[in-house]
Amino acid sequence: MRNKVINLNDINNDYLFFEYYKENEHQSYNPKKSMLKFIKKAAEITLTEKQKMYFNEFFVNGKSVNQIAAETNRHKSTVSREIKRVKQKLRTYSQLYF
């Protein structure tokens, strides 16, 4: 089968590049998406099980320190301290990566 030669002109130029970028959309760089992906992976690898629970409740589910403390039967200062440790750990790893 022969390859078909397509000459670029003003009419088909935009269409061809649109199709290319649509097909390769996952390859385009998005800093916010990249940072979120990194944070999730870093949390999965570096945090303890308890810290992962605090991370998910505080950052993902948007619960307050008081709500988490009430649900886990811990003092709010303990929860706050653990969340501070999570932030510090992720900040340290993100500085190495970014």
Protein backbone atom coordinates (compact mmCIF):
# COMPACT_ATOMS: atom_id res chain seq x y z
CA MET A 1 0.00 0.00 0.00
CA ARG A 2 1.38 3.38 -0.94
CA ASN A 3 1.62 6.25 1.48
CA LYS A 4 -0.49 9.20 0.59
CA VAL A 5 1.29 12.54 0.43
CA ILE A 6 -0.66 15.40 1.94
CA ASN A 7 0.55 18.88 1.19
CA LEU A 8 -0.02 21.39 3.95
CA ASN A 9 -1.96 24.47 3.01
CA ASP A 10 -4.04 27.05 4.85
CA ILE A 11 -7.15 24.90 4.61
CA ASN A 12 -5.90 21.60 6.05
CA ASN A 13 -3.08 22.89 8.29
CA ASP A 14 -5.25 23.70 11.31
CA TYR A 15 -7.25 20.50 10.98
CA LEU A 16 -4.17 18.27 10.84
CA PHE A 17 -2.55 19.85 13.88
CA PHE A 18 -5.82 19.78 15.79
CA GLU A 19 -6.14 16.06 15.14
CA TYR A 20 -2.54 15.50 16.23
CA TYR A 21 -2.94 17.40 19.52
CA LYS A 22 -6.28 15.75 20.21
CA GLU A 23 -4.73 12.30 19.81
CA ASN A 24 -1.63 13.19 21.86
CA GLU A 25 -3.40 15.26 24.51
CA HIS A 26 -2.00 13.12 27.32
CA GLN A 27 1.53 14.08 26.29
CA SER A 28 1.08 17.82 26.68
CA TYR A 29 2.62 19.26 29.83
CA ASN A 30 0.27 20.55 32.49
CA PRO A 31 2.14 21.73 35.60
CA LYS A 32 -0.87 21.53 37.92
CA LYS A 33 -1.70 18.00 36.80
CA SER A 34 1.94 17.01 37.12
CA MET A 35 2.17 18.38 40.66
CA LEU A 36 -1.04 16.64 41.76
CA LYS A 37 0.17 13.37 40.30
CA PHE A 38 3.49 13.78 42.10
CA ILE A 39 1.85 14.62 45.45
CA LYS A 40 -0.43 11.60 45.27
CA LYS A 41 2.48 9.32 44.42
CA ALA A 42 4.72 10.84 47.11
CA ALA A 43 1.95 10.46 49.69
CA GLU A 44 1.45 6.84 48.68
CA ILE A 45 5.14 6.02 48.98
CA THR A 46 6.42 8.10 51.89
CA LEU A 47 3.59 8.47 54.39
CA THR A 48 2.66 6.05 57.14
CA GLU A 49 -0.84 4.55 57.15
CA LYS A 50 -1.98 7.01 59.82
CA GLN A 51 -0.51 9.94 57.89
CA LYS A 52 -2.21 8.74 54.70
CA MET A 53 -5.52 8.72 56.55
CA TYR A 54 -4.96 12.28 57.82
CA PHE A 55 -3.83 13.37 54.34
CA ASN A 56 -6.97 11.96 52.69
CA GLU A 57 -9.35 13.33 55.30
CA PHE A 58 -7.81 16.81 55.42
CA PHE A 59 -6.71 17.47 51.84
CA VAL A 60 -8.88 15.19 49.72
CA ASN A 61 -12.14 15.16 51.69
CA GLY A 62 -11.73 18.71 53.02
CA LYS A 63 -12.48 17.93 56.65
CA SER A 64 -11.31 20.21 59.43
CA VAL A 65 -8.87 19.25 62.17
CA ASN A 66 -11.73 19.25 64.69
CA GLN A 67 -13.82 16.88 62.56
CA ILE A 68 -10.92 14.48 62.08
CA ALA A 69 -10.11 14.58 65.80
CA ALA A 70 -13.72 13.77 66.70
CA GLU A 71 -13.90 10.88 64.22
CA THR A 72 -10.59 9.32 65.29
CA ASN A 73 -10.94 9.97 69.04
CA ARG A 74 -7.68 11.91 69.09
CA HIS A 75 -6.90 15.33 70.49
CA LYS A 76 -7.02 18.11 67.90
CA SER A 77 -3.40 19.08 68.66
CA THR A 78 -2.31 15.53 67.77
CA VAL A 79 -4.19 15.67 64.48
CA SER A 80 -2.82 19.12 63.73
CA ARG A 81 0.74 17.99 64.47
CA GLU A 82 0.38 14.96 62.18
CA ILE A 83 -0.99 17.11 59.35
CA LYS A 84 1.94 19.48 59.83
CA ARG A 85 4.31 16.50 59.52
CA VAL A 86 2.56 15.38 56.34
CA LYS A 87 2.93 18.86 54.84
CA GLN A 88 6.59 19.02 55.77
CA LYS A 89 7.34 15.58 54.36
CA LEU A 90 5.58 16.32 51.07
CA ARG A 91 7.21 19.76 50.86
CA THR A 92 10.64 18.19 51.28
CA TYR A 93 10.05 15.66 48.52
CA SER A 94 8.47 18.19 46.18
CA GLN A 95 11.54 20.45 46.48
CA LEU A 96 13.68 17.57 45.30
CA TYR A 97 11.41 16.91 42.33
CA PHE A 98 10.46 20.41 41.18
